[in-house]
Protein backbone atom coordinates (compact mmCIF):
# COMPACT_ATOMS: atom_id res chain seq x y z
CA UNK A 1 0.00 0.00 0.00
CA UNK A 2 2.84 2.37 0.91
CA UNK A 3 4.46 1.84 -2.49
CA UNK A 4 1.17 2.60 -4.23
CA UNK A 5 0.86 5.89 -2.32
CA UNK A 6 4.48 6.81 -3.12
CA UNK A 7 3.91 6.07 -6.81
CA UNK A 8 0.74 8.16 -6.83
CA UNK A 9 2.57 11.08 -5.21
CA UNK A 10 5.37 10.81 -7.79
CA UNK A 11 2.82 10.90 -10.62
CA UNK A 12 1.17 13.99 -9.13
CA UNK A 13 4.51 15.80 -8.83
CA UNK A 14 5.42 14.87 -12.44
CA UNK A 15 2.09 16.24 -13.70
CA UNK A 16 2.53 19.46 -11.70
CA UNK A 17 6.08 19.90 -13.04
CA UNK A 18 4.86 19.42 -16.61
CA UNK A 19 2.06 21.94 -16.13
CA UNK A 20 4.48 24.46 -14.62
CA UNK A 21 6.88 24.03 -17.55
CA UNK A 22 4.06 24.35 -20.09
CA UNK A 23 2.65 27.42 -18.34
CA UNK A 24 6.09 29.05 -18.13
CA UNK A 25 6.79 28.46 -21.81
CA UNK A 26 3.33 29.67 -22.83
CA UNK A 27 3.76 32.80 -20.71
CA UNK A 28 7.15 33.48 -22.29
CA UNK A 29 5.77 33.02 -25.81
CA UNK A 30 2.84 35.28 -24.99
CA UNK A 31 5.19 37.92 -23.63
CA UNK A 32 7.07 38.03 -26.94
CA UNK A 33 3.93 38.10 -29.10
CA UNK A 34 2.50 41.47 -30.17
CA UNK A 35 -0.98 41.56 -31.66
CA UNK A 36 -0.80 44.57 -33.98
CA UNK A 37 -4.46 44.65 -35.05
CA UNK A 38 -5.95 48.03 -34.04
CA UNK A 39 -8.97 46.35 -32.41
CA UNK A 40 -10.49 42.87 -32.29
CA UNK A 41 -13.25 42.25 -34.82
CA UNK A 42 -15.08 39.29 -36.24
CA UNK A 43 -14.20 40.70 -39.66
CA UNK A 44 -10.46 40.89 -38.89
CA UNK A 45 -8.57 38.63 -41.32
CA UNK A 46 -6.23 35.90 -40.14
CA UNK A 47 -3.01 37.39 -38.72
CA UNK A 48 0.22 35.54 -39.42
CA UNK A 49 3.25 35.94 -37.19
CA UNK A 50 6.32 37.77 -38.40
CA UNK A 51 9.38 36.77 -36.37
CA UNK A 52 12.21 39.16 -35.49
CA UNK A 53 15.34 37.69 -33.92
CA UNK A 54 18.23 39.65 -32.38
CA UNK A 55 21.66 38.24 -33.23
CA UNK A 56 23.59 41.52 -32.95
CA UNK A 57 25.27 40.56 -29.69
CA UNK A 58 23.58 43.32 -27.64
CA UNK A 59 20.00 44.27 -26.61
CA UNK A 60 18.28 46.19 -29.38
CA UNK A 61 15.37 48.65 -29.30
CA UNK A 62 13.02 48.98 -32.28
CA UNK A 63 9.67 50.65 -32.89
CA UNK A 64 6.66 49.32 -34.76
CA UNK A 65 5.28 52.35 -36.60
CA UNK A 66 1.57 53.06 -36.92
CA UNK A 67 -0.06 52.43 -40.28
CA UNK A 68 -3.48 51.35 -41.61
CA UNK A 69 -4.37 48.11 -39.85
CA UNK A 70 -1.36 48.33 -37.52
CA UNK A 71 -1.46 49.55 -33.94
CA UNK A 72 1.49 51.79 -33.09
CA UNK A 73 3.89 53.23 -32.37
CA UNK A 74 5.05 50.41 -30.11
CA UNK A 75 8.66 50.34 -28.91
CA UNK A 76 10.26 47.06 -27.86
CA UNK A 77 13.65 46.07 -26.53
CA UNK A 78 14.73 42.71 -27.89
CA UNK A 79 17.20 40.77 -25.75
CA UNK A 80 20.22 39.01 -27.23
CA UNK A 81 19.04 35.86 -29.01
CA UNK A 82 15.37 36.60 -28.28
CA UNK A 83 12.56 36.31 -30.82
CA UNK A 84 9.59 38.69 -31.06
CA UNK A 85 6.45 37.59 -32.88
CA UNK A 86 4.39 40.30 -34.57
CA UNK A 87 0.84 39.20 -35.41
CA UNK A 88 -0.48 41.21 -38.33
CA UNK A 89 -2.49 40.74 -41.51
CA UNK A 90 -0.57 43.48 -43.35
CA UNK A 91 3.11 44.46 -43.80
CA UNK A 92 4.62 46.26 -40.80
CA UNK A 93 7.13 49.12 -40.90
CA UNK A 94 9.73 49.17 -38.14
CA UNK A 95 12.39 51.73 -37.19
CA UNK A 96 15.64 51.21 -35.27
CA UNK A 97 19.08 52.70 -34.71
CA UNK A 98 21.54 51.04 -37.08
CA UNK A 99 24.49 52.42 -35.14
CA UNK A 100 25.09 54.99 -37.86
CA UNK A 101 21.61 56.46 -38.44
CA UNK A 102 17.92 55.72 -37.96
CA UNK A 103 16.91 52.93 -40.30
CA UNK A 104 13.48 51.78 -41.41
CA UNK A 105 12.32 48.66 -43.14
CA UNK A 106 9.11 46.78 -43.91
CA UNK A 107 8.57 43.22 -42.71
CA UNK A 108 5.83 40.99 -44.09
CA UNK A 109 3.30 38.68 -42.41
CA UNK A 110 4.42 35.11 -41.87
CA UNK A 111 8.06 35.80 -42.78
CA UNK A 112 11.13 35.36 -40.52
CA UNK A 113 13.71 38.15 -40.11
CA UNK A 114 16.77 38.86 -38.00
CA UNK A 115 18.65 41.93 -36.78
CA UNK A 116 22.32 41.40 -37.67
CA UNK A 117 25.47 43.43 -38.10
CA UNK A 118 26.85 43.75 -41.62
CA UNK A 119 30.53 43.73 -42.56
CA UNK A 120 30.83 47.40 -41.53
CA UNK A 121 29.27 46.84 -38.12
CA UNK A 122 25.94 48.52 -38.93
CA UNK A 123 22.71 46.82 -37.84
CA UNK A 124 20.42 45.69 -40.63
CA UNK A 125 17.32 43.54 -40.95
CA UNK A 126 17.95 40.35 -42.94
CA UNK A 127 15.23 38.04 -44.31
CA UNK A 128 15.44 34.29 -43.91
CA UNK A 129 16.03 33.90 -40.19
CA UNK A 130 14.53 30.60 -39.05
CA UNK A 131 12.74 32.31 -36.15
CA UNK A 132 13.28 29.39 -33.74
CA UNK A 133 14.18 30.03 -30.13
CA UNK A 134 15.77 26.60 -29.59
CA UNK A 135 18.69 26.95 -32.01
CA UNK A 136 21.35 29.46 -33.01
CA UNK A 137 20.43 31.49 -36.08
CA UNK A 138 23.70 31.90 -37.95
CA UNK A 139 22.69 33.47 -41.25
CA UNK A 140 19.95 34.06 -43.79
CA UNK A 141 20.19 31.92 -46.91
CA UNK A 142 22.13 33.75 -49.62
CA UNK A 143 23.34 31.35 -52.35
CA UNK A 144 27.04 31.40 -53.20
CA UNK A 145 27.58 31.71 -56.98
CA UNK A 146 28.84 28.45 -58.55
CA UNK A 147 32.13 30.01 -59.68
CA UNK A 148 32.82 31.14 -56.10
CA UNK A 149 32.02 27.64 -54.80
CA UNK A 150 34.48 26.18 -57.32
CA UNK A 151 37.24 28.60 -56.31
CA UNK A 152 36.64 28.02 -52.57
CA UNK A 153 37.15 24.29 -53.04
CA UNK A 154 40.16 24.83 -55.28
CA UNK A 155 41.80 27.27 -52.86
CA UNK A 156 41.21 24.85 -49.96
CA UNK A 157 42.95 22.10 -51.95
CA UNK A 158 40.04 19.69 -51.64
CA UNK A 159 40.83 16.14 -52.74
CA UNK A 160 39.37 12.64 -52.69
CA UNK A 161 40.53 11.98 -49.11
CA UNK A 162 38.89 15.09 -47.65
CA UNK A 163 35.71 15.39 -45.62
CA UNK A 164 34.09 18.75 -46.37
CA UNK A 165 31.62 20.26 -43.91
CA UNK A 166 29.39 23.21 -44.79
CA UNK A 167 27.78 24.90 -41.77
CA UNK A 168 24.49 26.47 -42.78
CA UNK A 169 24.73 24.66 -46.09
CA UNK A 170 21.61 26.15 -47.73
CA UNK A 171 20.83 24.07 -50.81
CA UNK A 172 23.97 21.93 -50.33
CA UNK A 173 25.84 23.22 -53.36
CA UNK A 174 29.28 23.29 -51.67
CA UNK A 175 29.36 19.68 -50.47
CA UNK A 176 27.66 18.46 -53.66
CA UNK A 177 30.32 20.22 -55.77
CA UNK A 178 33.11 18.79 -53.57
CA UNK A 179 31.75 15.28 -54.07
CA UNK A 180 31.08 15.63 -57.81
CA UNK A 181 34.31 17.42 -58.75
CA UNK A 182 36.83 15.84 -56.37
CA UNK A 183 35.18 12.68 -55.06
CA UNK A 184 35.35 14.07 -51.51
CA UNK A 185 32.90 13.11 -48.83
CA UNK A 186 30.68 15.91 -47.61
CA UNK A 187 28.41 16.82 -44.70
CA UNK A 188 25.97 19.72 -44.82
CA UNK A 189 24.41 21.12 -41.65
CA UNK A 190 21.11 22.97 -42.07
CA UNK A 191 17.93 23.70 -40.09
CA UNK A 192 15.49 24.78 -42.80
CA UNK A 193 13.39 21.74 -43.85
CA UNK A 194 12.74 23.13 -47.34
CA UNK A 195 16.46 23.67 -47.92
CA UNK A 196 17.25 20.20 -46.59
CA UNK A 197 14.82 18.75 -49.13
CA UNK A 198 16.62 20.70 -51.87
CA UNK A 199 19.98 19.41 -50.60
CA UNK A 200 18.94 15.79 -50.83
CA UNK A 201 17.24 16.26 -54.19
CA UNK A 202 20.36 17.98 -55.54
CA UNK A 203 22.65 15.20 -54.32
CA UNK A 204 20.40 12.62 -55.96
CA UNK A 205 20.26 14.60 -59.20
CA UNK A 206 24.06 14.96 -59.35
CA UNK A 207 24.65 11.29 -58.49
CA UNK A 208 26.58 11.88 -55.26
CA UNK A 209 24.07 10.69 -52.64
CA UNK A 210 26.50 8.00 -51.45
CA UNK A 211 29.21 10.59 -50.77
CA UNK A 212 27.23 13.28 -48.95
CA UNK A 213 24.82 13.51 -46.06
CA UNK A 214 22.82 16.36 -44.58
CA UNK A 215 22.17 16.92 -40.89
CA UNK A 216 19.08 18.67 -39.55
CA UNK A 217 20.67 20.43 -36.59
CA UNK A 218 22.02 23.60 -35.01
CA UNK A 219 25.51 24.13 -36.46
CA UNK A 220 26.86 25.32 -33.10
CA UNK A 221 26.06 21.84 -31.72
CA UNK A 222 27.66 19.89 -34.58
CA UNK A 223 30.79 17.80 -34.00
CA UNK A 224 33.46 18.50 -36.61
CA UNK A 225 36.08 15.97 -35.57
CA UNK A 226 36.06 14.18 -38.94
CA UNK A 227 36.19 17.41 -40.99
CA UNK A 228 39.34 18.24 -42.89
CA UNK A 229 37.75 21.25 -44.63
CA UNK A 230 34.99 23.51 -43.28
CA UNK A 231 33.22 25.90 -45.65
CA UNK A 232 31.25 28.85 -44.27
CA UNK A 233 29.32 31.84 -45.59
CA UNK A 234 28.36 33.51 -42.33
CA UNK A 235 28.41 37.01 -40.87
CA UNK A 236 31.20 37.92 -38.43
CA UNK A 237 29.22 37.49 -35.18
CA UNK A 238 28.15 34.02 -36.31
CA UNK A 239 31.72 33.07 -37.17
CA UNK A 240 32.79 34.31 -33.74
CA UNK A 241 30.21 32.04 -32.09
CA UNK A 242 31.67 29.06 -34.00
CA UNK A 243 35.30 29.68 -33.07
CA UNK A 244 35.01 27.55 -29.88
CA UNK A 245 33.58 24.70 -31.99
CA UNK A 246 36.49 24.98 -34.45
CA UNK A 247 39.03 25.10 -31.61
CA UNK A 248 37.47 22.08 -29.90
CA UNK A 249 37.05 19.78 -32.90
CA UNK A 250 39.31 20.61 -35.82
CA UNK A 251 42.59 18.76 -36.12
CA UNK A 252 45.96 20.38 -36.91
CA UNK A 253 46.10 21.22 -40.61
CA UNK A 254 42.33 21.34 -41.10
CA UNK A 255 41.26 24.20 -43.39
CA UNK A 256 38.45 26.70 -42.93
CA UNK A 257 37.42 28.53 -46.11
CA UNK A 258 35.14 31.53 -45.68
CA UNK A 259 33.14 33.42 -48.26
CA UNK A 260 33.35 37.20 -47.75
CA UNK A 261 33.92 37.43 -43.99
CA UNK A 262 36.97 37.14 -41.75
CA UNK A 263 36.98 34.80 -38.78
CA UNK A 264 37.40 37.15 -35.78
CA UNK A 265 40.72 36.71 -33.99
CA UNK A 266 42.18 34.39 -36.62
CA UNK A 267 44.37 36.78 -38.62
CA UNK A 268 47.44 34.76 -37.60
CA UNK A 269 45.94 31.65 -39.22
CA UNK A 270 45.07 33.31 -42.52
CA UNK A 271 46.81 31.45 -45.35
CA UNK A 272 45.43 33.38 -48.31
CA UNK A 273 42.80 35.92 -49.28
CA UNK A 274 41.61 36.86 -52.71
CA UNK A 275 38.81 38.81 -54.35
CA UNK A 276 36.84 37.71 -57.38
CA UNK A 277 34.53 40.01 -59.37
CA UNK A 278 30.82 39.34 -59.19
CA UNK A 279 27.66 40.66 -60.76
CA UNK A 280 26.78 44.31 -60.29
CA UNK A 281 30.36 45.29 -59.54
CA UNK A 282 30.38 43.41 -56.22
CA UNK A 283 33.56 41.57 -55.32
CA UNK A 284 33.50 38.22 -53.53
CA UNK A 285 36.28 37.57 -51.04
CA UNK A 286 37.56 34.10 -50.27
CA UNK A 287 39.61 33.64 -47.11
CA UNK A 288 41.49 30.45 -46.29
CA UNK A 289 42.57 29.57 -42.75
CA UNK A 290 44.57 26.60 -41.50
CA UNK A 291 44.50 25.13 -38.00
CA UNK A 292 47.94 25.30 -36.40
CA UNK A 293 50.12 22.39 -35.43
CA UNK A 294 50.29 20.51 -38.74
CA UNK A 295 53.54 18.73 -39.49
């Protein structure tokens, strides 16, 4: 009888703990959700959630400006790594201090966005953030041109015996090209389910499915111990967050090849840097780093 009572008490405590966790999470989500409809109405159309994530490395204040169908102005301070959810049936204009001037932009219902610093340190709003609060958001998806992919792999000296990782691999074009051109094995790490589907379809189409695999996970939690080459196209604050992962996992002589952005604090490991012309007069930089200690 005593054991039955003890078991019943344990079940009660487990249920209470679950309810407390659920209530706490619901309260937190509610706190970060802003309903921007001017007033409730049976005729109000369905309001999708726009997500805004702060990956600038510091708390950031922004203002939702008033417009037809949007209640405002509303000023919010977004904590580091936090996600705000703006419920609206129409596009929303927001204003914020970019660090250089007041900036404004329009965000659209149901789309994910992130506040990030660009290469000059100014804060901008980037589309394509995954909007999840359970994983690091390293970059929006911006495809690397095929000729830049080819040169990145060439500069890194990729060969048949290499294992090429791409963190935030997008549509998988880097690891697919490494497998198809050099016979290298490849691993792409990506969170977006639509992009992962494109990765796997692309590998199948190019006939390299046996050489590459794609992981649905947060890149900051990936283990890179088998990587000999790591390819990245990430903004500086994201690269900085990955430095501890590189230091922990990469072996002496492993190469890190970065599109456009320097790895903070790694100037002493820079092997080469070159610029290639792109469309619209924009240059693409390719930076190659090597882990120290190689014989």
